[in-house]
């Protein structure tokens, strides 16, 4: 399976797109991303490809939140 690269014009657009992806995982797996990520990091879940992708997308989401938070603090 080949991954597609999408470029967004702002970190906020990227955050919205990643949040939508996380919502799909959450609906499919009946678990919120925060709980999933905790269990995954504790080794309670397998290294199933979907879980690896979900964990990576959640890390990206957290990184974007941090980046936007820093920019907002700088602007204030």
PDB file of N, CA and C in Angstrom:
ATOM      1  N   UNK A   1       0.838  -1.172   0.000  1.00  0.00           N
ATOM      2  CA  UNK A   1       0.000   0.000   0.000  1.00  0.00           C
ATOM      3  C   UNK A   1       0.891   1.245   0.000  1.00  0.00           C
ATOM      4  N   UNK A   2       0.656   2.121  -0.906  1.00  0.00           N
ATOM      5  CA  UNK A   2       1.462   3.334  -1.033  1.00  0.00           C
ATOM      6  C   UNK A   2       0.796   4.480  -0.293  1.00  0.00           C
ATOM      7  N   UNK A   3       1.575   5.169   0.518  1.00  0.00           N
ATOM      8  CA  UNK A   3       1.077   6.316   1.278  1.00  0.00           C
ATOM      9  C   UNK A   3       1.050   7.543   0.386  1.00  0.00           C
ATOM     10  N   UNK A   4       0.029   8.364   0.596  1.00  0.00           N
ATOM     11  CA  UNK A   4      -0.094   9.606  -0.137  1.00  0.00           C
ATOM     12  C   UNK A   4       0.343  10.748   0.780  1.00  0.00           C
ATOM     13  N   UNK A   5       1.116  11.669   0.248  1.00  0.00           N
ATOM     14  CA  UNK A   5       1.554  12.827   0.996  1.00  0.00           C
ATOM     15  C   UNK A   5       0.663  14.005   0.635  1.00  0.00           C
ATOM     16  N   UNK A   6       0.113  14.645   1.656  1.00  0.00           N
ATOM     17  CA  UNK A   6      -0.737  15.806   1.463  1.00  0.00           C
ATOM     18  C   UNK A   6      -0.087  16.975   2.194  1.00  0.00           C
ATOM     19  N   UNK A   7      -0.025  18.114   1.550  1.00  0.00           N
ATOM     20  CA  UNK A   7       0.527  19.297   2.190  1.00  0.00           C
ATOM     21  C   UNK A   7      -0.606  20.264   2.505  1.00  0.00           C
ATOM     22  N   UNK A   8      -0.569  20.811   3.717  1.00  0.00           N
ATOM     23  CA  UNK A   8      -1.577  21.764   4.158  1.00  0.00           C
ATOM     24  C   UNK A   8      -0.941  23.142   4.267  1.00  0.00           C
ATOM     25  N   UNK A   9      -1.773  24.153   4.208  1.00  0.00           N
ATOM     26  CA  UNK A   9      -1.257  25.522   4.215  1.00  0.00           C
ATOM     27  C   UNK A   9      -0.956  26.037   5.613  1.00  0.00           C
ATOM     28  N   UNK A  10      -1.496  25.396   6.632  1.00  0.00           N
ATOM     29  CA  UNK A  10      -1.236  25.871   7.989  1.00  0.00           C
ATOM     30  C   UNK A  10      -1.268  24.703   8.967  1.00  0.00           C
ATOM     31  N   UNK A  11      -0.629  24.862  10.120  1.00  0.00           N
ATOM     32  CA  UNK A  11      -0.698  23.823  11.149  1.00  0.00           C
ATOM     33  C   UNK A  11      -2.137  23.571  11.616  1.00  0.00           C
ATOM     34  N   UNK A  12      -2.961  24.611  11.602  1.00  0.00           N
ATOM     35  CA  UNK A  12      -4.351  24.430  12.017  1.00  0.00           C
ATOM     36  C   UNK A  12      -5.108  23.533  11.040  1.00  0.00           C
ATOM     37  N   UNK A  13      -4.900  23.732   9.741  1.00  0.00           N
ATOM     38  CA  UNK A  13      -5.517  22.855   8.738  1.00  0.00           C
ATOM     39  C   UNK A  13      -5.053  21.417   8.927  1.00  0.00           C
ATOM     40  N   UNK A  14      -3.771  21.256   9.208  1.00  0.00           N
ATOM     41  CA  UNK A  14      -3.220  19.925   9.424  1.00  0.00           C
ATOM     42  C   UNK A  14      -3.831  19.292  10.663  1.00  0.00           C
ATOM     43  N   UNK A  15      -3.962  20.072  11.731  1.00  0.00           N
ATOM     44  CA  UNK A  15      -4.555  19.564  12.970  1.00  0.00           C
ATOM     45  C   UNK A  15      -5.981  19.069  12.727  1.00  0.00           C
ATOM     46  N   UNK A  16      -6.761  19.824  11.990  1.00  0.00           N
ATOM     47  CA  UNK A  16      -8.138  19.427  11.683  1.00  0.00           C
ATOM     48  C   UNK A  16      -8.151  18.124  10.883  1.00  0.00           C
ATOM     49  N   UNK A  17      -7.279  18.024   9.898  1.00  0.00           N
ATOM     50  CA  UNK A  17      -7.224  16.812   9.074  1.00  0.00           C
ATOM     51  C   UNK A  17      -6.825  15.596   9.906  1.00  0.00           C
ATOM     52  N   UNK A  18      -5.831  15.739  10.772  1.00  0.00           N
ATOM     53  CA  UNK A  18      -5.394  14.624  11.613  1.00  0.00           C
ATOM     54  C   UNK A  18      -6.487  14.259  12.611  1.00  0.00           C
ATOM     55  N   UNK A  19      -7.180  15.244  13.153  1.00  0.00           N
ATOM     56  CA  UNK A  19      -8.283  14.976  14.089  1.00  0.00           C
ATOM     57  C   UNK A  19      -9.389  14.164  13.407  1.00  0.00           C
ATOM     58  N   UNK A  20      -9.649  14.449  12.145  1.00  0.00           N
ATOM     59  CA  UNK A  20     -10.651  13.677  11.398  1.00  0.00           C
ATOM     60  C   UNK A  20     -10.200  12.226  11.232  1.00  0.00           C
ATOM     61  N   UNK A  21      -8.921  12.033  10.952  1.00  0.00           N
ATOM     62  CA  UNK A  21      -8.382  10.675  10.819  1.00  0.00           C
ATOM     63  C   UNK A  21      -8.497   9.934  12.147  1.00  0.00           C
ATOM     64  N   UNK A  22      -8.157  10.613  13.242  1.00  0.00           N
ATOM     65  CA  UNK A  22      -8.257   9.995  14.568  1.00  0.00           C
ATOM     66  C   UNK A  22      -9.700   9.613  14.876  1.00  0.00           C
ATOM     67  N   UNK A  23     -10.627  10.446  14.462  1.00  0.00           N
ATOM     68  CA  UNK A  23     -12.046  10.150  14.684  1.00  0.00           C
ATOM     69  C   UNK A  23     -12.466   8.867  13.973  1.00  0.00           C
ATOM     70  N   UNK A  24     -11.927   8.640  12.799  1.00  0.00           N
ATOM     71  CA  UNK A  24     -12.240   7.407  12.062  1.00  0.00           C
ATOM     72  C   UNK A  24     -11.725   6.192  12.828  1.00  0.00           C
ATOM     73  N   UNK A  25     -10.466   6.266  13.300  1.00  0.00           N
ATOM     74  CA  UNK A  25      -9.921   5.166  14.104  1.00  0.00           C
ATOM     75  C   UNK A  25     -10.792   4.926  15.333  1.00  0.00           C
ATOM     76  N   UNK A  26     -11.157   5.993  16.016  1.00  0.00           N
ATOM     77  CA  UNK A  26     -11.939   5.875  17.251  1.00  0.00           C
ATOM     78  C   UNK A  26     -13.289   5.222  16.999  1.00  0.00           C
ATOM     79  N   UNK A  27     -13.942   5.596  15.908  1.00  0.00           N
ATOM     80  CA  UNK A  27     -15.237   4.995  15.573  1.00  0.00           C
ATOM     81  C   UNK A  27     -15.089   3.526  15.197  1.00  0.00           C
ATOM     82  N   UNK A  28     -14.047   3.201  14.461  1.00  0.00           N
ATOM     83  CA  UNK A  28     -13.824   1.814  14.053  1.00  0.00           C
ATOM     84  C   UNK A  28     -13.494   0.922  15.239  1.00  0.00           C
ATOM     85  N   UNK A  29     -12.677   1.423  16.147  1.00  0.00           N
ATOM     86  CA  UNK A  29     -12.164   0.601  17.247  1.00  0.00           C
ATOM     87  C   UNK A  29     -12.933   0.788  18.555  1.00  0.00           C
ATOM     88  N   UNK A  30     -13.907   1.709  18.558  1.00  0.00           N
ATOM     89  CA  UNK A  30     -14.733   1.971  19.751  1.00  0.00           C
ATOM     90  C   UNK A  30     -13.871   2.322  20.965  1.00  0.00           C
ATOM     91  N   UNK A  31     -12.881   3.211  20.738  1.00  0.00           N
ATOM     92  CA  UNK A  31     -11.962   3.627  21.805  1.00  0.00           C
ATOM     93  C   UNK A  31     -11.440   5.011  21.439  1.00  0.00           C
ATOM     94  N   UNK A  32     -11.340   5.898  22.432  1.00  0.00           N
ATOM     95  CA  UNK A  32     -10.785   7.206  22.096  1.00  0.00           C
ATOM     96  C   UNK A  32      -9.270   7.105  21.960  1.00  0.00           C
ATOM     97  N   UNK A  33      -8.700   8.058  21.251  1.00  0.00           N
ATOM     98  CA  UNK A  33      -7.277   8.016  20.916  1.00  0.00           C
ATOM     99  C   UNK A  33      -6.387   8.094  22.144  1.00  0.00           C
ATOM    100  N   UNK A  34      -6.789   8.872  23.129  1.00  0.00           N
ATOM    101  CA  UNK A  34      -5.971   8.997  24.338  1.00  0.00           C
ATOM    102  C   UNK A  34      -5.870   7.656  25.063  1.00  0.00           C
ATOM    103  N   UNK A  35      -6.986   6.959  25.217  1.00  0.00           N
ATOM    104  CA  UNK A  35      -6.982   5.651  25.879  1.00  0.00           C
ATOM    105  C   UNK A  35      -6.216   4.634  25.038  1.00  0.00           C
ATOM    106  N   UNK A  36      -6.444   4.667  23.721  1.00  0.00           N
ATOM    107  CA  UNK A  36      -5.706   3.768  22.835  1.00  0.00           C
ATOM    108  C   UNK A  36      -4.205   3.973  23.007  1.00  0.00           C
ATOM    109  N   UNK A  37      -3.759   5.233  22.963  1.00  0.00           N
ATOM    110  CA  UNK A  37      -2.342   5.540  23.013  1.00  0.00           C
ATOM    111  C   UNK A  37      -1.727   5.086  24.337  1.00  0.00           C
ATOM    112  N   UNK A  38      -2.466   5.260  25.409  1.00  0.00           N
ATOM    113  CA  UNK A  38      -1.988   4.794  26.716  1.00  0.00           C
ATOM    114  C   UNK A  38      -1.787   3.276  26.686  1.00  0.00           C
ATOM    115  N   UNK A  39      -2.805   2.553  26.226  1.00  0.00           N
ATOM    116  CA  UNK A  39      -2.715   1.090  26.179  1.00  0.00           C
ATOM    117  C   UNK A  39      -1.612   0.633  25.227  1.00  0.00           C
ATOM    118  N   UNK A  40      -1.482   1.295  24.112  1.00  0.00           N
ATOM    119  CA  UNK A  40      -0.460   0.944  23.123  1.00  0.00           C
ATOM    120  C   UNK A  40       0.936   1.129  23.716  1.00  0.00           C
ATOM    121  N   UNK A  41       1.157   2.246  24.385  1.00  0.00           N
ATOM    122  CA  UNK A  41       2.463   2.514  24.989  1.00  0.00           C
ATOM    123  C   UNK A  41       2.766   1.589  26.160  1.00  0.00           C
ATOM    124  N   UNK A  42       1.741   1.056  26.805  1.00  0.00           N
ATOM    125  CA  UNK A  42       1.922   0.108  27.900  1.00  0.00           C
ATOM    126  C   UNK A  42       2.163  -1.311  27.393  1.00  0.00           C
ATOM    127  N   UNK A  43       2.110  -1.500  26.073  1.00  0.00           N
ATOM    128  CA  UNK A  43       2.319  -2.821  25.492  1.00  0.00           C
ATOM    129  C   UNK A  43       1.099  -3.715  25.589  1.00  0.00           C
ATOM    130  N   UNK A  44      -0.057  -3.116  25.842  1.00  0.00           N
ATOM    131  CA  UNK A  44      -1.283  -3.891  25.993  1.00  0.00           C
ATOM    132  C   UNK A  44      -1.948  -4.205  24.657  1.00  0.00           C
ATOM    133  N   UNK A  45      -1.455  -3.586  23.589  1.00  0.00           N
ATOM    134  CA  UNK A  45      -1.999  -3.817  22.254  1.00  0.00           C
ATOM    135  C   UNK A  45      -0.887  -4.307  21.332  1.00  0.00           C
ATOM    136  N   UNK A  46      -1.268  -5.034  20.316  1.00  0.00           N
ATOM    137  CA  UNK A  46      -0.283  -5.609  19.389  1.00  0.00           C
ATOM    138  C   UNK A  46       0.299  -4.542  18.471  1.00  0.00           C
ATOM    139  N   UNK A  47       1.254  -4.960  17.679  1.00  0.00           N
ATOM    140  CA  UNK A  47       1.853  -4.087  16.673  1.00  0.00           C
ATOM    141  C   UNK A  47       1.155  -4.261  15.326  1.00  0.00           C
ATOM    142  N   UNK A  48      -0.129  -4.438  15.395  1.00  0.00           N
ATOM    143  CA  UNK A  48      -0.981  -4.511  14.222  1.00  0.00           C
ATOM    144  C   UNK A  48      -0.779  -3.219  13.423  1.00  0.00           C
ATOM    145  N   UNK A  49      -0.696  -3.305  12.115  1.00  0.00           N
ATOM    146  CA  UNK A  49      -0.394  -2.159  11.260  1.00  0.00           C
ATOM    147  C   UNK A  49      -1.316  -0.970  11.543  1.00  0.00           C
ATOM    148  N   UNK A  50      -2.592  -1.226  11.710  1.00  0.00           N
ATOM    149  CA  UNK A  50      -3.533  -0.143  11.992  1.00  0.00           C
ATOM    150  C   UNK A  50      -3.172   0.572  13.292  1.00  0.00           C
ATOM    151  N   UNK A  51      -2.756  -0.183  14.301  1.00  0.00           N
ATOM    152  CA  UNK A  51      -2.389   0.421  15.582  1.00  0.00           C
ATOM    153  C   UNK A  51      -1.119   1.261  15.459  1.00  0.00           C
ATOM    154  N   UNK A  52      -0.184   0.801  14.664  1.00  0.00           N
ATOM    155  CA  UNK A  52       1.043   1.573  14.447  1.00  0.00           C
ATOM    156  C   UNK A  52       0.703   2.900  13.769  1.00  0.00           C
ATOM    157  N   UNK A  53      -0.144   2.839  12.751  1.00  0.00           N
ATOM    158  CA  UNK A  53      -0.548   4.056  12.045  1.00  0.00           C
ATOM    159  C   UNK A  53      -1.326   4.989  12.971  1.00  0.00           C
ATOM    160  N   UNK A  54      -2.224   4.426  13.782  1.00  0.00           N
ATOM    161  CA  UNK A  54      -3.003   5.228  14.710  1.00  0.00           C
ATOM    162  C   UNK A  54      -2.081   5.910  15.716  1.00  0.00           C
ATOM    163  N   UNK A  55      -1.133   5.175  16.263  1.00  0.00           N
ATOM    164  CA  UNK A  55      -0.190   5.742  17.233  1.00  0.00           C
ATOM    165  C   UNK A  55       0.623   6.866  16.586  1.00  0.00           C
ATOM    166  N   UNK A  56       1.076   6.663  15.364  1.00  0.00           N
ATOM    167  CA  UNK A  56       1.837   7.705  14.668  1.00  0.00           C
ATOM    168  C   UNK A  56       0.986   8.935  14.404  1.00  0.00           C
ATOM    169  N   UNK A  57      -0.257   8.726  13.989  1.00  0.00           N
ATOM    170  CA  UNK A  57      -1.156   9.859  13.763  1.00  0.00           C
ATOM    171  C   UNK A  57      -1.452  10.595  15.070  1.00  0.00           C
ATOM    172  N   UNK A  58      -1.581   9.869  16.167  1.00  0.00           N
ATOM    173  CA  UNK A  58      -1.830  10.516  17.457  1.00  0.00           C
ATOM    174  C   UNK A  58      -0.597  11.312  17.903  1.00  0.00           C
ATOM    175  N   UNK A  59       0.584  10.759  17.692  1.00  0.00           N
ATOM    176  CA  UNK A  59       1.813  11.510  18.011  1.00  0.00           C
ATOM    177  C   UNK A  59       1.878  12.803  17.193  1.00  0.00           C
ATOM    178  N   UNK A  60       1.510  12.708  15.932  1.00  0.00           N
ATOM    179  CA  UNK A  60       1.488  13.882  15.064  1.00  0.00           C
ATOM    180  C   UNK A  60       0.490  14.906  15.601  1.00  0.00           C
ATOM    181  N   UNK A  61      -0.671  14.454  16.006  1.00  0.00           N
ATOM    182  CA  UNK A  61      -1.705  15.311  16.586  1.00  0.00           C
ATOM    183  C   UNK A  61      -1.168  16.033  17.827  1.00  0.00           C
ATOM    184  N   UNK A  62      -0.523  15.292  18.717  1.00  0.00           N
ATOM    185  CA  UNK A  62       0.026  15.904  19.940  1.00  0.00           C
ATOM    186  C   UNK A  62       1.102  16.935  19.596  1.00  0.00           C
ATOM    187  N   UNK A  63       1.917  16.628  18.607  1.00  0.00           N
ATOM    188  CA  UNK A  63       2.961  17.550  18.180  1.00  0.00           C
ATOM    189  C   UNK A  63       2.358  18.845  17.621  1.00  0.00           C
ATOM    190  N   UNK A  64       1.318  18.699  16.829  1.00  0.00           N
ATOM    191  CA  UNK A  64       0.644  19.877  16.273  1.00  0.00           C
ATOM    192  C   UNK A  64       0.009  20.719  17.370  1.00  0.00           C
ATOM    193  N   UNK A  65      -0.611  20.069  18.346  1.00  0.00           N
ATOM    194  CA  UNK A  65      -1.200  20.805  19.465  1.00  0.00           C
ATOM    195  C   UNK A  65      -0.137  21.613  20.191  1.00  0.00           C
ATOM    196  N   UNK A  66       1.006  20.995  20.416  1.00  0.00           N
ATOM    197  CA  UNK A  66       2.096  21.676  21.106  1.00  0.00           C
ATOM    198  C   UNK A  66       2.596  22.860  20.273  1.00  0.00           C
ATOM    199  N   UNK A  67       2.766  22.648  18.988  1.00  0.00           N
ATOM    200  CA  UNK A  67       3.236  23.713  18.097  1.00  0.00           C
ATOM    201  C   UNK A  67       2.262  24.890  18.094  1.00  0.00           C
ATOM    202  N   UNK A  68       0.979  24.596  17.962  1.00  0.00           N
ATOM    203  CA  UNK A  68      -0.015  25.667  17.946  1.00  0.00           C
ATOM    204  C   UNK A  68      -0.091  26.374  19.295  1.00  0.00           C
ATOM    205  N   UNK A  69       0.026  25.613  20.371  1.00  0.00           N
ATOM    206  CA  UNK A  69       0.020  26.212  21.710  1.00  0.00           C
ATOM    207  C   UNK A  69       1.169  27.183  21.878  1.00  0.00           C
ATOM    208  N   UNK A  70       2.331  26.814  21.401  1.00  0.00           N
ATOM    209  CA  UNK A  70       3.501  27.692  21.497  1.00  0.00           C
ATOM    210  C   UNK A  70       3.298  28.966  20.676  1.00  0.00           C
ATOM    211  N   UNK A  71       2.724  28.816  19.491  1.00  0.00           N
ATOM    212  CA  UNK A  71       2.473  29.991  18.645  1.00  0.00           C
ATOM    213  C   UNK A  71       1.443  30.916  19.278  1.00  0.00           C
ATOM    214  N   UNK A  72       0.425  30.333  19.898  1.00  0.00           N
ATOM    215  CA  UNK A  72      -0.588  31.159  20.566  1.00  0.00           C
ATOM    216  C   UNK A  72      -0.008  31.875  21.775  1.00  0.00           C
ATOM    217  N   UNK A  73       0.838  31.197  22.533  1.00  0.00           N
ATOM    218  CA  UNK A  73       1.475  31.834  23.681  1.00  0.00           C
ATOM    219  C   UNK A  73       2.408  32.961  23.229  1.00  0.00           C
ATOM    220  N   UNK A  74       3.070  32.763  22.121  1.00  0.00           N
ATOM    221  CA  UNK A  74       3.978  33.772  21.587  1.00  0.00           C
ATOM    222  C   UNK A  74       3.194  35.004  21.128  1.00  0.00           C
ATOM    223  N   UNK A  75       2.016  34.760  20.538  1.00  0.00           N
ATOM    224  CA  UNK A  75       1.197  35.852  20.014  1.00  0.00           C
ATOM    225  C   UNK A  75       0.511  36.653  21.120  1.00  0.00           C
ATOM    226  N   UNK A  76       0.340  36.033  22.273  1.00  0.00           N
ATOM    227  CA  UNK A  76      -0.402  36.702  23.364  1.00  0.00           C
ATOM    228  C   UNK A  76       0.394  37.770  24.044  1.00  0.00           C
TER     229      UNK A  76
END
